[in-house]
PDB file of N, CA and C in Angstrom:
ATOM      1  N   MET A   1      41.381 310.364 104.424  1.00  0.00           N
ATOM      2  CA  MET A   1      42.796 310.493 104.527  1.00  0.00           C
ATOM      3  C   MET A   1      43.592 309.825 105.398  1.00  0.00           C
ATOM      4  N   LYS A   2      44.654 309.031 105.247  1.00  0.00           N
ATOM      5  CA  LYS A   2      45.491 308.504 106.446  1.00  0.00           C
ATOM      6  C   LYS A   2      46.058 309.398 107.147  1.00  0.00           C
ATOM      7  N   ALA A   3      46.168 309.026 108.356  1.00  0.00           N
ATOM      8  CA  ALA A   3      46.578 309.890 109.455  1.00  0.00           C
ATOM      9  C   ALA A   3      48.155 309.477 109.641  1.00  0.00           C
ATOM     10  N   ASP A   4      48.943 310.799 109.860  1.00  0.00           N
ATOM     11  CA  ASP A   4      50.725 310.476 110.268  1.00  0.00           C
ATOM     12  C   ASP A   4      51.477 310.231 108.957  1.00  0.00           C
ATOM     13  N   ILE A   5      50.853 310.650 107.673  1.00  0.00           N
ATOM     14  CA  ILE A   5      51.576 310.333 106.382  1.00  0.00           C
ATOM     15  C   ILE A   5      52.334 311.533 105.816  1.00  0.00           C
ATOM     16  N   HIS A   6      51.879 312.819 106.596  1.00  0.00           N
ATOM     17  CA  HIS A   6      52.294 314.022 105.939  1.00  0.00           C
ATOM     18  C   HIS A   6      53.218 314.642 106.696  1.00  0.00           C
ATOM     19  N   PRO A   7      54.391 315.010 106.090  1.00  0.00           N
ATOM     20  CA  PRO A   7      55.614 315.632 107.034  1.00  0.00           C
ATOM     21  C   PRO A   7      55.249 316.866 108.032  1.00  0.00           C
ATOM     22  N   ASN A   8      55.932 316.751 109.255  1.00  0.00           N
ATOM     23  CA  ASN A   8      55.637 317.837 110.005  1.00  0.00           C
ATOM     24  C   ASN A   8      56.113 319.174 109.956  1.00  0.00           C
ATOM     25  N   ASN A   9      57.468 319.072 108.874  1.00  0.00           N
ATOM     26  CA  ASN A   9      58.280 320.191 108.739  1.00  0.00           C
ATOM     27  C   ASN A   9      57.675 321.013 107.474  1.00  0.00           C
ATOM     28  N   TYR A  10      56.641 320.766 106.928  1.00  0.00           N
ATOM     29  CA  TYR A  10      56.345 321.705 105.837  1.00  0.00           C
ATOM     30  C   TYR A  10      55.854 323.244 106.456  1.00  0.00           C
ATOM     31  N   ARG A  11      56.734 324.161 105.491  1.00  0.00           N
ATOM     32  CA  ARG A  11      56.634 325.594 106.016  1.00  0.00           C
ATOM     33  C   ARG A  11      56.871 326.370 104.980  1.00  0.00           C
ATOM     34  N   LEU A  12      56.827 327.804 104.823  1.00  0.00           N
ATOM     35  CA  LEU A  12      57.165 328.417 103.721  1.00  0.00           C
ATOM     36  C   LEU A  12      58.707 328.836 104.087  1.00  0.00           C
ATOM     37  N   VAL A  13      59.361 328.595 102.788  1.00  0.00           N
ATOM     38  CA  VAL A  13      61.030 328.820 102.842  1.00  0.00           C
ATOM     39  C   VAL A  13      60.972 329.935 101.800  1.00  0.00           C
ATOM     40  N   ILE A  14      62.250 330.786 101.824  1.00  0.00           N
ATOM     41  CA  ILE A  14      62.660 331.444 100.756  1.00  0.00           C
ATOM     42  C   ILE A  14      63.774 330.908 100.085  1.00  0.00           C
ATOM     43  N   PHE A  15      63.776 330.891  99.063  1.00  0.00           N
ATOM     44  CA  PHE A  15      64.803 330.154  97.758  1.00  0.00           C
ATOM     45  C   PHE A  15      65.312 331.240  97.141  1.00  0.00           C
ATOM     46  N   GLU A  16      66.817 331.559  97.044  1.00  0.00           N
ATOM     47  CA  GLU A  16      67.432 332.414  96.096  1.00  0.00           C
ATOM     48  C   GLU A  16      68.139 332.059  95.072  1.00  0.00           C
ATOM     49  N   ASP A  17      67.920 332.201  93.752  1.00  0.00           N
ATOM     50  CA  ASP A  17      68.716 331.637  92.843  1.00  0.00           C
ATOM     51  C   ASP A  17      69.971 332.277  92.665  1.00  0.00           C
ATOM     52  N   ASN A  18      71.080 331.341  92.832  1.00  0.00           N
ATOM     53  CA  ASN A  18      72.526 331.872  92.800  1.00  0.00           C
ATOM     54  C   ASN A  18      72.888 332.500  91.367  1.00  0.00           C
ATOM     55  N   SER A  19      72.287 332.189  90.412  1.00  0.00           N
ATOM     56  CA  SER A  19      72.687 332.775  89.141  1.00  0.00           C
ATOM     57  C   SER A  19      71.792 333.962  88.792  1.00  0.00           C
ATOM     58  N   SER A  20      70.638 334.216  89.052  1.00  0.00           N
ATOM     59  CA  SER A  20      69.924 335.302  88.733  1.00  0.00           C
ATOM     60  C   SER A  20      69.443 336.279  90.019  1.00  0.00           C
ATOM     61  N   GLY A  21      69.664 335.827  91.278  1.00  0.00           N
ATOM     62  CA  GLY A  21      69.532 336.535  92.595  1.00  0.00           C
ATOM     63  C   GLY A  21      68.051 336.420  92.592  1.00  0.00           C
ATOM     64  N   GLU A  22      67.125 336.113  91.735  1.00  0.00           N
ATOM     65  CA  GLU A  22      65.628 335.831  92.104  1.00  0.00           C
ATOM     66  C   GLU A  22      65.300 335.328  93.143  1.00  0.00           C
ATOM     67  N   ARG A  23      64.561 335.702  93.988  1.00  0.00           N
ATOM     68  CA  ARG A  23      64.121 334.982  95.337  1.00  0.00           C
ATOM     69  C   ARG A  23      62.430 335.002  95.353  1.00  0.00           C
ATOM     70  N   PHE A  24      62.030 333.574  95.836  1.00  0.00           N
ATOM     71  CA  PHE A  24      61.152 332.890  95.785  1.00  0.00           C
ATOM     72  C   PHE A  24      60.592 332.561  97.215  1.00  0.00           C
ATOM     73  N   LEU A  25      59.384 332.763  97.730  1.00  0.00           N
ATOM     74  CA  LEU A  25      58.593 332.119  98.977  1.00  0.00           C
ATOM     75  C   LEU A  25      57.790 331.049  98.516  1.00  0.00           C
ATOM     76  N   VAL A  26      58.069 329.786  99.072  1.00  0.00           N
ATOM     77  CA  VAL A  26      57.493 328.481  98.510  1.00  0.00           C
ATOM     78  C   VAL A  26      57.309 327.711  99.604  1.00  0.00           C
ATOM     79  N   GLY A  27      56.216 326.836  99.807  1.00  0.00           N
ATOM     80  CA  GLY A  27      56.059 325.909 100.722  1.00  0.00           C
ATOM     81  C   GLY A  27      57.104 324.658 100.438  1.00  0.00           C
ATOM     82  N   SER A  28      57.805 324.350 101.489  1.00  0.00           N
ATOM     83  CA  SER A  28      58.844 323.354 101.389  1.00  0.00           C
ATOM     84  C   SER A  28      59.156 322.328 102.727  1.00  0.00           C
ATOM     85  N   THR A  29      59.689 321.293 102.456  1.00  0.00           N
ATOM     86  CA  THR A  29      60.377 320.485 103.661  1.00  0.00           C
ATOM     87  C   THR A  29      61.730 320.520 103.770  1.00  0.00           C
ATOM     88  N   ILE A  30      62.223 321.291 103.024  1.00  0.00           N
ATOM     89  CA  ILE A  30      63.825 321.375 102.988  1.00  0.00           C
ATOM     90  C   ILE A  30      64.572 321.806 104.101  1.00  0.00           C
ATOM     91  N   GLU A  31      65.656 321.263 104.530  1.00  0.00           N
ATOM     92  CA  GLU A  31      66.208 321.596 105.857  1.00  0.00           C
ATOM     93  C   GLU A  31      67.232 322.740 105.664  1.00  0.00           C
ATOM     94  N   THR A  32      66.998 323.662 106.576  1.00  0.00           N
ATOM     95  CA  THR A  32      67.994 324.986 106.199  1.00  0.00           C
ATOM     96  C   THR A  32      68.770 325.237 107.707  1.00  0.00           C
ATOM     97  N   ARG A  33      69.625 326.171 107.375  1.00  0.00           N
ATOM     98  CA  ARG A  33      70.384 326.450 108.405  1.00  0.00           C
ATOM     99  C   ARG A  33      70.210 328.293 108.923  1.00  0.00           C
ATOM    100  N   GLU A  34      69.844 328.765 107.822  1.00  0.00           N
ATOM    101  CA  GLU A  34      69.632 330.383 108.047  1.00  0.00           C
ATOM    102  C   GLU A  34      68.267 330.890 107.771  1.00  0.00           C
ATOM    103  N   ASN A  35      67.995 331.980 108.406  1.00  0.00           N
ATOM    104  CA  ASN A  35      66.699 332.624 107.977  1.00  0.00           C
ATOM    105  C   ASN A  35      67.066 334.053 107.361  1.00  0.00           C
ATOM    106  N   GLN A  36      65.857 334.523 106.901  1.00  0.00           N
ATOM    107  CA  GLN A  36      66.351 335.653 106.240  1.00  0.00           C
ATOM    108  C   GLN A  36      64.483 336.381 106.503  1.00  0.00           C
ATOM    109  N   THR A  37      64.645 337.732 106.085  1.00  0.00           N
ATOM    110  CA  THR A  37      63.347 338.365 106.134  1.00  0.00           C
ATOM    111  C   THR A  37      63.022 338.744 104.963  1.00  0.00           C
ATOM    112  N   TRP A  38      61.525 338.248 104.627  1.00  0.00           N
ATOM    113  CA  TRP A  38      60.940 338.634 103.385  1.00  0.00           C
ATOM    114  C   TRP A  38      60.438 339.987 103.316  1.00  0.00           C
ATOM    115  N   THR A  39      59.587 340.247 102.139  1.00  0.00           N
ATOM    116  CA  THR A  39      59.220 341.532 101.717  1.00  0.00           C
ATOM    117  C   THR A  39      58.072 341.882 102.955  1.00  0.00           C
ATOM    118  N   ASP A  40      57.359 341.274 103.428  1.00  0.00           N
ATOM    119  CA  ASP A  40      56.301 341.312 104.278  1.00  0.00           C
ATOM    120  C   ASP A  40      56.928 341.487 105.851  1.00  0.00           C
ATOM    121  N   GLY A  41      58.157 341.584 105.963  1.00  0.00           N
ATOM    122  CA  GLY A  41      58.811 341.653 107.475  1.00  0.00           C
ATOM    123  C   GLY A  41      58.834 340.843 108.235  1.00  0.00           C
ATOM    124  N   LYS A  42      58.554 339.293 108.000  1.00  0.00           N
ATOM    125  CA  LYS A  42      58.567 338.238 108.495  1.00  0.00           C
ATOM    126  C   LYS A  42      60.013 337.527 108.157  1.00  0.00           C
ATOM    127  N   GLU A  43      60.263 336.729 109.132  1.00  0.00           N
ATOM    128  CA  GLU A  43      61.500 336.029 108.961  1.00  0.00           C
ATOM    129  C   GLU A  43      61.105 334.620 108.623  1.00  0.00           C
ATOM    130  N   TYR A  44      61.638 333.831 107.427  1.00  0.00           N
ATOM    131  CA  TYR A  44      61.637 332.725 106.956  1.00  0.00           C
ATOM    132  C   TYR A  44      62.958 331.918 106.787  1.00  0.00           C
ATOM    133  N   PRO A  45      62.850 330.597 106.950  1.00  0.00           N
ATOM    134  CA  PRO A  45      64.050 329.831 106.634  1.00  0.00           C
ATOM    135  C   PRO A  45      64.457 330.094 105.479  1.00  0.00           C
ATOM    136  N   PHE A  46      65.895 329.950 105.137  1.00  0.00           N
ATOM    137  CA  PHE A  46      66.500 330.430 103.829  1.00  0.00           C
ATOM    138  C   PHE A  46      67.224 329.651 103.141  1.00  0.00           C
ATOM    139  N   ALA A  47      67.044 329.190 101.806  1.00  0.00           N
ATOM    140  CA  ALA A  47      67.928 328.347 101.237  1.00  0.00           C
ATOM    141  C   ALA A  47      68.166 328.888  99.669  1.00  0.00           C
ATOM    142  N   ARG A  48      69.513 328.274  99.322  1.00  0.00           N
ATOM    143  CA  ARG A  48      70.181 328.796  98.117  1.00  0.00           C
ATOM    144  C   ARG A  48      69.808 327.914  97.116  1.00  0.00           C
ATOM    145  N   VAL A  49      69.573 327.893  95.651  1.00  0.00           N
ATOM    146  CA  VAL A  49      69.822 326.966  94.760  1.00  0.00           C
ATOM    147  C   VAL A  49      70.504 327.403  93.319  1.00  0.00           C
ATOM    148  N   GLU A  50      71.095 326.501  92.890  1.00  0.00           N
ATOM    149  CA  GLU A  50      72.052 326.628  91.603  1.00  0.00           C
ATOM    150  C   GLU A  50      71.124 327.087  90.566  1.00  0.00           C
ATOM    151  N   ILE A  51      69.970 326.438  90.294  1.00  0.00           N
ATOM    152  CA  ILE A  51      69.068 326.841  89.091  1.00  0.00           C
ATOM    153  C   ILE A  51      67.601 327.045  89.426  1.00  0.00           C
ATOM    154  N   SER A  52      66.611 327.942  89.013  1.00  0.00           N
ATOM    155  CA  SER A  52      65.473 327.973  89.023  1.00  0.00           C
ATOM    156  C   SER A  52      64.834 328.192  87.958  1.00  0.00           C
ATOM    157  N   SER A  53      63.357 328.594  87.808  1.00  0.00           N
ATOM    158  CA  SER A  53      62.593 328.919  86.368  1.00  0.00           C
ATOM    159  C   SER A  53      63.158 330.181  86.280  1.00  0.00           C
ATOM    160  N   ALA A  54      63.802 331.088  86.962  1.00  0.00           N
ATOM    161  CA  ALA A  54      64.243 332.468  87.067  1.00  0.00           C
ATOM    162  C   ALA A  54      65.680 332.381  85.877  1.00  0.00           C
ATOM    163  N   SER A  55      66.380 331.280  85.810  1.00  0.00           N
ATOM    164  CA  SER A  55      67.711 331.363  85.554  1.00  0.00           C
ATOM    165  C   SER A  55      67.717 330.006  84.162  1.00  0.00           C
ATOM    166  N   HIS A  56      66.610 328.957  84.271  1.00  0.00           N
ATOM    167  CA  HIS A  56      66.884 327.714  83.309  1.00  0.00           C
ATOM    168  C   HIS A  56      66.373 328.262  82.026  1.00  0.00           C
ATOM    169  N   PRO A  57      67.230 327.745  81.040  1.00  0.00           N
ATOM    170  CA  PRO A  57      67.024 327.957  79.696  1.00  0.00           C
ATOM    171  C   PRO A  57      65.507 327.759  79.139  1.00  0.00           C
ATOM    172  N   PHE A  58      65.363 326.670  79.741  1.00  0.00           N
ATOM    173  CA  PHE A  58      63.964 326.505  79.149  1.00  0.00           C
ATOM    174  C   PHE A  58      62.726 327.656  79.551  1.00  0.00           C
ATOM    175  N   TYR A  59      62.870 328.091  80.612  1.00  0.00           N
ATOM    176  CA  TYR A  59      62.031 329.169  81.097  1.00  0.00           C
ATOM    177  C   TYR A  59      62.170 330.256  80.589  1.00  0.00           C
ATOM    178  N   THR A  60      63.418 330.937  80.255  1.00  0.00           N
ATOM    179  CA  THR A  60      64.143 332.093  79.900  1.00  0.00           C
ATOM    180  C   THR A  60      63.883 332.296  78.455  1.00  0.00           C
ATOM    181  N   GLY A  61      64.475 331.046  77.707  1.00  0.00           N
ATOM    182  CA  GLY A  61      64.712 331.170  76.335  1.00  0.00           C
ATOM    183  C   GLY A  61      65.922 331.534  75.866  1.00  0.00           C
ATOM    184  N   GLN A  62      67.067 331.693  76.883  1.00  0.00           N
ATOM    185  CA  GLN A  62      68.250 331.860  76.785  1.00  0.00           C
ATOM    186  C   GLN A  62      68.997 330.709  76.858  1.00  0.00           C
ATOM    187  N   GLU A  63      70.279 330.540  75.867  1.00  0.00           N
ATOM    188  CA  GLU A  63      71.196 329.250  76.216  1.00  0.00           C
ATOM    189  C   GLU A  63      72.250 330.219  76.855  1.00  0.00           C
ATOM    190  N   LYS A  64      72.776 329.318  78.079  1.00  0.00           N
ATOM    191  CA  LYS A  64      73.893 329.678  78.859  1.00  0.00           C
ATOM    192  C   LYS A  64      74.481 328.539  79.525  1.00  0.00           C
ATOM    193  N   ILE A  65      75.840 328.308  79.336  1.00  0.00           N
ATOM    194  CA  ILE A  65      76.235 327.296  80.102  1.00  0.00           C
ATOM    195  C   ILE A  65      76.578 327.625  81.614  1.00  0.00           C
ATOM    196  N   MET A  66      76.160 326.758  82.566  1.00  0.00           N
ATOM    197  CA  MET A  66      76.210 326.771  83.957  1.00  0.00           C
ATOM    198  C   MET A  66      77.070 325.849  84.222  1.00  0.00           C
ATOM    199  N   ASP A  67      78.229 325.956  84.619  1.00  0.00           N
ATOM    200  CA  ASP A  67      79.180 324.838  84.944  1.00  0.00           C
ATOM    201  C   ASP A  67      79.645 325.110  86.369  1.00  0.00           C
ATOM    202  N   THR A  68      79.149 324.712  87.325  1.00  0.00           N
ATOM    203  CA  THR A  68      79.246 324.784  88.733  1.00  0.00           C
ATOM    204  C   THR A  68      80.228 323.887  89.418  1.00  0.00           C
ATOM    205  N   ALA A  69      80.736 322.702  88.544  1.00  0.00           N
ATOM    206  CA  ALA A  69      81.330 321.763  89.322  1.00  0.00           C
ATOM    207  C   ALA A  69      82.416 321.167  88.122  1.00  0.00           C
ATOM    208  N   GLY A  70      82.609 321.977  87.380  1.00  0.00           N
ATOM    209  CA  GLY A  70      83.561 321.333  86.092  1.00  0.00           C
ATOM    210  C   GLY A  70      83.056 320.485  85.153  1.00  0.00           C
ATOM    211  N   ARG A  71      82.020 320.524  85.056  1.00  0.00           N
ATOM    212  CA  ARG A  71      81.434 319.111  84.177  1.00  0.00           C
ATOM    213  C   ARG A  71      81.736 319.428  82.778  1.00  0.00           C
ATOM    214  N   VAL A  72      81.914 320.442  82.350  1.00  0.00           N
ATOM    215  CA  VAL A  72      82.287 320.835  80.754  1.00  0.00           C
ATOM    216  C   VAL A  72      83.596 320.568  80.530  1.00  0.00           C
ATOM    217  N   GLU A  73      84.409 320.940  81.364  1.00  0.00           N
ATOM    218  CA  GLU A  73      85.780 320.714  81.171  1.00  0.00           C
ATOM    219  C   GLU A  73      86.146 319.247  81.483  1.00  0.00           C
ATOM    220  N   ARG A  74      85.562 318.463  82.313  1.00  0.00           N
ATOM    221  CA  ARG A  74      85.714 316.984  82.235  1.00  0.00           C
ATOM    222  C   ARG A  74      85.091 316.256  80.901  1.00  0.00           C
ATOM    223  N   PHE A  75      84.089 316.639  80.542  1.00  0.00           N
ATOM    224  CA  PHE A  75      83.722 316.136  79.491  1.00  0.00           C
ATOM    225  C   PHE A  75      84.403 316.360  78.199  1.00  0.00           C
ATOM    226  N   LYS A  76      84.969 317.750  77.856  1.00  0.00           N
ATOM    227  CA  LYS A  76      85.916 318.100  76.933  1.00  0.00           C
ATOM    228  C   LYS A  76      87.066 317.290  76.970  1.00  0.00           C
ATOM    229  N   THR A  77      87.572 316.941  78.133  1.00  0.00           N
ATOM    230  CA  THR A  77      88.863 315.946  78.301  1.00  0.00           C
ATOM    231  C   THR A  77      88.439 314.560  78.033  1.00  0.00           C
ATOM    232  N   ARG A  78      87.417 314.052  78.412  1.00  0.00           N
ATOM    233  CA  ARG A  78      86.923 312.842  77.846  1.00  0.00           C
ATOM    234  C   ARG A  78      86.966 312.621  76.350  1.00  0.00           C
ATOM    235  N   ALA A  79      86.343 313.466  75.882  1.00  0.00           N
ATOM    236  CA  ALA A  79      86.020 313.600  74.280  1.00  0.00           C
ATOM    237  C   ALA A  79      87.348 313.692  73.550  1.00  0.00           C
ATOM    238  N   ALA A  80      88.407 314.286  74.033  1.00  0.00           N
ATOM    239  CA  ALA A  80      89.526 314.582  73.500  1.00  0.00           C
ATOM    240  C   ALA A  80      90.451 313.139  73.578  1.00  0.00           C
ATOM    241  N   LYS A  81      90.063 312.451  74.523  1.00  0.00           N
ATOM    242  CA  LYS A  81      90.741 311.186  74.732  1.00  0.00           C
ATOM    243  C   LYS A  81      90.169 310.172  73.952  1.00  0.00           C
ATOM    244  N   ALA A  82      89.019 310.345  73.645  1.00  0.00           N
ATOM    245  CA  ALA A  82      88.129 309.266  72.901  1.00  0.00           C
ATOM    246  C   ALA A  82      88.468 309.419  71.439  1.00  0.00           C
ATOM    247  N   LYS A  83      88.464 310.783  71.236  1.00  0.00           N
ATOM    248  CA  LYS A  83      89.049 311.089  69.726  1.00  0.00           C
ATOM    249  C   LYS A  83      90.288 310.559  69.456  1.00  0.00           C
ATOM    250  N   GLY A  84      91.359 310.612  70.329  1.00  0.00           N
ATOM    251  CA  GLY A  84      92.595 310.013  70.010  1.00  0.00           C
ATOM    252  C   GLY A  84      92.820 308.555  69.790  1.00  0.00           C
ATOM    253  N   ARG A  85      91.763 307.962  70.355  1.00  0.00           N
ATOM    254  CA  ARG A  85      91.697 306.433  70.097  1.00  0.00           C
ATOM    255  C   ARG A  85      91.759 305.903  68.791  1.00  0.00           C
TER     256      ARG A  85
END
């Protein structure tokens, strides 16, 4: 195996899904600014995510629209303008 090709900051990180509130403890190299305590009583880096397997329609089998950046409204506006042409 080649030396010095693996990241040095690989560690366990707590990820929290903003949609469902589900939390996961997973190995990652993501840069974080805050720490939180996990169920084992240890403190780990903490990151929030918009969507995960706990809230993604493919995994949950439920369809729901998650519009965090106004994408649906922008699409509807463009579609209405194109229809008017």
